[in-house]
Amino acid sequence: MKSFACGDVVPGCEARWVCSTADEILVNVAAHAASTHGLVELPAELVQSVHKAIVPVS
């Protein structure tokens, strides 16, 4: 299992996900970024920041 908190990349955002894989998290983050943050496309730097902030759930 993997976990990601949007607030680790976008200060003040309370959204978080726990999914089986990093790919599942990225799908959820992309939908969230569009609906909540107005980002239709995710810049490569943002995707990289998300990847770095995904952590294993123990």
PDB file of N, CA and C in Angstrom:
ATOM      1  N   MET A   1       0.850  -1.188   0.000  1.00  0.00           N
ATOM      2  CA  MET A   1       0.000   0.000   0.000  1.00  0.00           C
ATOM      3  C   MET A   1       0.886   1.240   0.000  1.00  0.00           C
ATOM      4  N   LYS A   2       0.350   2.273  -0.649  1.00  0.00           N
ATOM      5  CA  LYS A   2       1.053   3.550  -0.744  1.00  0.00           C
ATOM      6  C   LYS A   2       0.122   4.659  -0.277  1.00  0.00           C
ATOM      7  N   SER A   3       0.718   5.744   0.198  1.00  0.00           N
ATOM      8  CA  SER A   3      -0.061   6.874   0.688  1.00  0.00           C
ATOM      9  C   SER A   3       0.493   8.173   0.110  1.00  0.00           C
ATOM     10  N   PHE A   4      -0.422   9.126  -0.132  1.00  0.00           N
ATOM     11  CA  PHE A   4      -0.019  10.450  -0.602  1.00  0.00           C
ATOM     12  C   PHE A   4      -0.961  11.481  -0.010  1.00  0.00           C
ATOM     13  N   ALA A   5      -0.380  12.569   0.494  1.00  0.00           N
ATOM     14  CA  ALA A   5      -1.157  13.702   1.000  1.00  0.00           C
ATOM     15  C   ALA A   5      -0.896  14.891   0.090  1.00  0.00           C
ATOM     16  N   CYS A   6      -1.941  15.426  -0.507  1.00  0.00           N
ATOM     17  CA  CYS A   6      -1.801  16.557  -1.420  1.00  0.00           C
ATOM     18  C   CYS A   6      -1.110  17.738  -0.731  1.00  0.00           C
ATOM     19  N   GLY A   7      -1.380  17.925   0.548  1.00  0.00           N
ATOM     20  CA  GLY A   7      -0.782  19.018   1.298  1.00  0.00           C
ATOM     21  C   GLY A   7       0.733  18.972   1.345  1.00  0.00           C
ATOM     22  N   ASP A   8       1.332  17.812   1.052  1.00  0.00           N
ATOM     23  CA  ASP A   8       2.789  17.721   0.983  1.00  0.00           C
ATOM     24  C   ASP A   8       3.336  18.437  -0.245  1.00  0.00           C
ATOM     25  N   VAL A   9       2.468  18.651  -1.237  1.00  0.00           N
ATOM     26  CA  VAL A   9       2.870  19.323  -2.477  1.00  0.00           C
ATOM     27  C   VAL A   9       2.168  20.668  -2.614  1.00  0.00           C
ATOM     28  N   VAL A  10       0.900  20.724  -2.206  1.00  0.00           N
ATOM     29  CA  VAL A  10       0.106  21.953  -2.265  1.00  0.00           C
ATOM     30  C   VAL A  10      -0.281  22.325  -0.833  1.00  0.00           C
ATOM     31  N   PRO A  11       0.477  23.246  -0.227  1.00  0.00           N
ATOM     32  CA  PRO A  11       0.205  23.610   1.169  1.00  0.00           C
ATOM     33  C   PRO A  11      -1.260  23.994   1.403  1.00  0.00           C
ATOM     34  N   GLY A  12      -1.818  23.446   2.465  1.00  0.00           N
ATOM     35  CA  GLY A  12      -3.194  23.759   2.833  1.00  0.00           C
ATOM     36  C   GLY A  12      -4.234  22.796   2.312  1.00  0.00           C
ATOM     37  N   CYS A  13      -3.870  21.957   1.349  1.00  0.00           N
ATOM     38  CA  CYS A  13      -4.838  20.990   0.815  1.00  0.00           C
ATOM     39  C   CYS A  13      -4.903  19.794   1.761  1.00  0.00           C
ATOM     40  N   GLU A  14      -6.110  19.386   2.103  1.00  0.00           N
ATOM     41  CA  GLU A  14      -6.323  18.304   3.066  1.00  0.00           C
ATOM     42  C   GLU A  14      -6.531  16.934   2.418  1.00  0.00           C
ATOM     43  N   ALA A  15      -6.559  16.853   1.084  1.00  0.00           N
ATOM     44  CA  ALA A  15      -6.838  15.586   0.393  1.00  0.00           C
ATOM     45  C   ALA A  15      -5.698  14.595   0.608  1.00  0.00           C
ATOM     46  N   ARG A  16      -6.073  13.320   0.786  1.00  0.00           N
ATOM     47  CA  ARG A  16      -5.063  12.275   0.906  1.00  0.00           C
ATOM     48  C   ARG A  16      -5.630  10.967   0.389  1.00  0.00           C
ATOM     49  N   TRP A  17      -4.742  10.102  -0.075  1.00  0.00           N
ATOM     50  CA  TRP A  17      -5.140   8.822  -0.634  1.00  0.00           C
ATOM     51  C   TRP A  17      -4.255   7.716  -0.104  1.00  0.00           C
ATOM     52  N   VAL A  18      -4.845   6.536   0.027  1.00  0.00           N
ATOM     53  CA  VAL A  18      -4.113   5.305   0.310  1.00  0.00           C
ATOM     54  C   VAL A  18      -4.574   4.316  -0.752  1.00  0.00           C
ATOM     55  N   CYS A  19      -3.638   3.849  -1.557  1.00  0.00           N
ATOM     56  CA  CYS A  19      -3.962   2.962  -2.680  1.00  0.00           C
ATOM     57  C   CYS A  19      -2.954   1.816  -2.727  1.00  0.00           C
ATOM     58  N   SER A  20      -3.268   0.836  -3.539  1.00  0.00           N
ATOM     59  CA  SER A  20      -2.382  -0.322  -3.675  1.00  0.00           C
ATOM     60  C   SER A  20      -1.064   0.032  -4.361  1.00  0.00           C
ATOM     61  N   THR A  21      -1.136   0.945  -5.352  1.00  0.00           N
ATOM     62  CA  THR A  21       0.065   1.281  -6.124  1.00  0.00           C
ATOM     63  C   THR A  21       0.195   2.793  -6.293  1.00  0.00           C
ATOM     64  N   ALA A  22       1.401   3.206  -6.646  1.00  0.00           N
ATOM     65  CA  ALA A  22       1.646   4.620  -6.938  1.00  0.00           C
ATOM     66  C   ALA A  22       0.836   5.050  -8.162  1.00  0.00           C
ATOM     67  N   ASP A  23       0.673   4.152  -9.130  1.00  0.00           N
ATOM     68  CA  ASP A  23      -0.115   4.483 -10.328  1.00  0.00           C
ATOM     69  C   ASP A  23      -1.562   4.808  -9.967  1.00  0.00           C
ATOM     70  N   GLU A  24      -2.141   4.048  -9.037  1.00  0.00           N
ATOM     71  CA  GLU A  24      -3.512   4.328  -8.593  1.00  0.00           C
ATOM     72  C   GLU A  24      -3.584   5.705  -7.934  1.00  0.00           C
ATOM     73  N   ILE A  25      -2.581   6.027  -7.150  1.00  0.00           N
ATOM     74  CA  ILE A  25      -2.552   7.347  -6.519  1.00  0.00           C
ATOM     75  C   ILE A  25      -2.498   8.424  -7.582  1.00  0.00           C
ATOM     76  N   LEU A  26      -1.661   8.244  -8.610  1.00  0.00           N
ATOM     77  CA  LEU A  26      -1.528   9.255  -9.657  1.00  0.00           C
ATOM     78  C   LEU A  26      -2.835   9.479 -10.410  1.00  0.00           C
ATOM     79  N   VAL A  27      -3.594   8.431 -10.633  1.00  0.00           N
ATOM     80  CA  VAL A  27      -4.900   8.581 -11.291  1.00  0.00           C
ATOM     81  C   VAL A  27      -5.814   9.447 -10.431  1.00  0.00           C
ATOM     82  N   ASN A  28      -5.848   9.164  -9.139  1.00  0.00           N
ATOM     83  CA  ASN A  28      -6.677   9.947  -8.218  1.00  0.00           C
ATOM     84  C   ASN A  28      -6.190  11.388  -8.102  1.00  0.00           C
ATOM     85  N   VAL A  29      -4.885  11.571  -8.053  1.00  0.00           N
ATOM     86  CA  VAL A  29      -4.316  12.912  -7.945  1.00  0.00           C
ATOM     87  C   VAL A  29      -4.628  13.734  -9.190  1.00  0.00           C
ATOM     88  N   ALA A  30      -4.551  13.122 -10.360  1.00  0.00           N
ATOM     89  CA  ALA A  30      -4.860  13.842 -11.599  1.00  0.00           C
ATOM     90  C   ALA A  30      -6.308  14.330 -11.596  1.00  0.00           C
ATOM     91  N   ALA A  31      -7.229  13.472 -11.180  1.00  0.00           N
ATOM     92  CA  ALA A  31      -8.643  13.871 -11.112  1.00  0.00           C
ATOM     93  C   ALA A  31      -8.833  14.976 -10.079  1.00  0.00           C
ATOM     94  N   HIS A  32      -8.189  14.847  -8.934  1.00  0.00           N
ATOM     95  CA  HIS A  32      -8.274  15.853  -7.874  1.00  0.00           C
ATOM     96  C   HIS A  32      -7.677  17.183  -8.337  1.00  0.00           C
ATOM     97  N   ALA A  33      -6.538  17.126  -8.999  1.00  0.00           N
ATOM     98  CA  ALA A  33      -5.872  18.343  -9.477  1.00  0.00           C
ATOM     99  C   ALA A  33      -6.768  19.105 -10.441  1.00  0.00           C
ATOM    100  N   ALA A  34      -7.489  18.379 -11.285  1.00  0.00           N
ATOM    101  CA  ALA A  34      -8.393  19.030 -12.238  1.00  0.00           C
ATOM    102  C   ALA A  34      -9.610  19.611 -11.543  1.00  0.00           C
ATOM    103  N   SER A  35     -10.259  18.811 -10.678  1.00  0.00           N
ATOM    104  CA  SER A  35     -11.516  19.258 -10.077  1.00  0.00           C
ATOM    105  C   SER A  35     -11.333  20.277  -8.961  1.00  0.00           C
ATOM    106  N   THR A  36     -10.263  20.140  -8.187  1.00  0.00           N
ATOM    107  CA  THR A  36     -10.076  21.012  -7.024  1.00  0.00           C
ATOM    108  C   THR A  36      -9.116  22.168  -7.281  1.00  0.00           C
ATOM    109  N   HIS A  37      -8.047  21.883  -8.016  1.00  0.00           N
ATOM    110  CA  HIS A  37      -7.005  22.892  -8.215  1.00  0.00           C
ATOM    111  C   HIS A  37      -7.022  23.508  -9.614  1.00  0.00           C
ATOM    112  N   GLY A  38      -7.925  23.041 -10.488  1.00  0.00           N
ATOM    113  CA  GLY A  38      -8.057  23.621 -11.824  1.00  0.00           C
ATOM    114  C   GLY A  38      -6.926  23.285 -12.785  1.00  0.00           C
ATOM    115  N   LEU A  39      -6.168  22.243 -12.495  1.00  0.00           N
ATOM    116  CA  LEU A  39      -5.065  21.850 -13.375  1.00  0.00           C
ATOM    117  C   LEU A  39      -5.535  20.783 -14.353  1.00  0.00           C
ATOM    118  N   VAL A  40      -5.663  21.155 -15.618  1.00  0.00           N
ATOM    119  CA  VAL A  40      -6.098  20.200 -16.637  1.00  0.00           C
ATOM    120  C   VAL A  40      -4.943  19.284 -17.009  1.00  0.00           C
ATOM    121  N   GLU A  41      -3.747  19.849 -17.086  1.00  0.00           N
ATOM    122  CA  GLU A  41      -2.544  19.063 -17.353  1.00  0.00           C
ATOM    123  C   GLU A  41      -1.595  19.212 -16.170  1.00  0.00           C
ATOM    124  N   LEU A  42      -0.929  18.120 -15.816  1.00  0.00           N
ATOM    125  CA  LEU A  42       0.014  18.159 -14.707  1.00  0.00           C
ATOM    126  C   LEU A  42       1.425  18.368 -15.260  1.00  0.00           C
ATOM    127  N   PRO A  43       2.059  19.464 -14.885  1.00  0.00           N
ATOM    128  CA  PRO A  43       3.441  19.676 -15.323  1.00  0.00           C
ATOM    129  C   PRO A  43       4.354  18.560 -14.807  1.00  0.00           C
ATOM    130  N   ALA A  44       5.390  18.254 -15.571  1.00  0.00           N
ATOM    131  CA  ALA A  44       6.318  17.176 -15.205  1.00  0.00           C
ATOM    132  C   ALA A  44       6.903  17.392 -13.811  1.00  0.00           C
ATOM    133  N   GLU A  45       7.181  18.648 -13.449  1.00  0.00           N
ATOM    134  CA  GLU A  45       7.754  18.931 -12.135  1.00  0.00           C
ATOM    135  C   GLU A  45       6.778  18.550 -11.017  1.00  0.00           C
ATOM    136  N   LEU A  46       5.497  18.782 -11.256  1.00  0.00           N
ATOM    137  CA  LEU A  46       4.481  18.444 -10.259  1.00  0.00           C
ATOM    138  C   LEU A  46       4.367  16.927 -10.108  1.00  0.00           C
ATOM    139  N   VAL A  47       4.364  16.224 -11.227  1.00  0.00           N
ATOM    140  CA  VAL A  47       4.294  14.760 -11.187  1.00  0.00           C
ATOM    141  C   VAL A  47       5.501  14.212 -10.418  1.00  0.00           C
ATOM    142  N   GLN A  48       6.663  14.794 -10.656  1.00  0.00           N
ATOM    143  CA  GLN A  48       7.872  14.367  -9.955  1.00  0.00           C
ATOM    144  C   GLN A  48       7.746  14.630  -8.453  1.00  0.00           C
ATOM    145  N   SER A  49       7.187  15.780  -8.090  1.00  0.00           N
ATOM    146  CA  SER A  49       6.990  16.106  -6.669  1.00  0.00           C
ATOM    147  C   SER A  49       6.015  15.129  -6.017  1.00  0.00           C
ATOM    148  N   VAL A  50       4.965  14.769  -6.740  1.00  0.00           N
ATOM    149  CA  VAL A  50       3.999  13.798  -6.223  1.00  0.00           C
ATOM    150  C   VAL A  50       4.685  12.457  -5.995  1.00  0.00           C
ATOM    151  N   HIS A  51       5.441  11.996  -6.992  1.00  0.00           N
ATOM    152  CA  HIS A  51       6.158  10.717  -6.855  1.00  0.00           C
ATOM    153  C   HIS A  51       7.048  10.715  -5.611  1.00  0.00           C
ATOM    154  N   LYS A  52       7.755  11.809  -5.381  1.00  0.00           N
ATOM    155  CA  LYS A  52       8.662  11.893  -4.235  1.00  0.00           C
ATOM    156  C   LYS A  52       7.902  11.881  -2.908  1.00  0.00           C
ATOM    157  N   ALA A  53       6.649  12.347  -2.921  1.00  0.00           N
ATOM    158  CA  ALA A  53       5.864  12.450  -1.688  1.00  0.00           C
ATOM    159  C   ALA A  53       5.043  11.188  -1.409  1.00  0.00           C
ATOM    160  N   ILE A  54       5.013  10.238  -2.332  1.00  0.00           N
ATOM    161  CA  ILE A  54       4.285   8.986  -2.094  1.00  0.00           C
ATOM    162  C   ILE A  54       5.138   8.109  -1.166  1.00  0.00           C
ATOM    163  N   VAL A  55       4.503   7.639  -0.100  1.00  0.00           N
ATOM    164  CA  VAL A  55       5.223   6.847   0.891  1.00  0.00           C
ATOM    165  C   VAL A  55       4.526   5.499   1.122  1.00  0.00           C
ATOM    166  N   PRO A  56       5.299   4.493   1.500  1.00  0.00           N
ATOM    167  CA  PRO A  56       4.696   3.199   1.823  1.00  0.00           C
ATOM    168  C   PRO A  56       3.893   3.297   3.113  1.00  0.00           C
ATOM    169  N   VAL A  57       2.808   2.552   3.175  1.00  0.00           N
ATOM    170  CA  VAL A  57       1.988   2.488   4.382  1.00  0.00           C
ATOM    171  C   VAL A  57       2.463   1.289   5.180  1.00  0.00           C
ATOM    172  N   SER A  58       2.786   1.526   6.431  1.00  0.00           N
ATOM    173  CA  SER A  58       3.284   0.407   7.255  1.00  0.00           C
ATOM    174  C   SER A  58       2.207  -0.130   8.164  1.00  0.00           C
TER     175      SER A  58
END
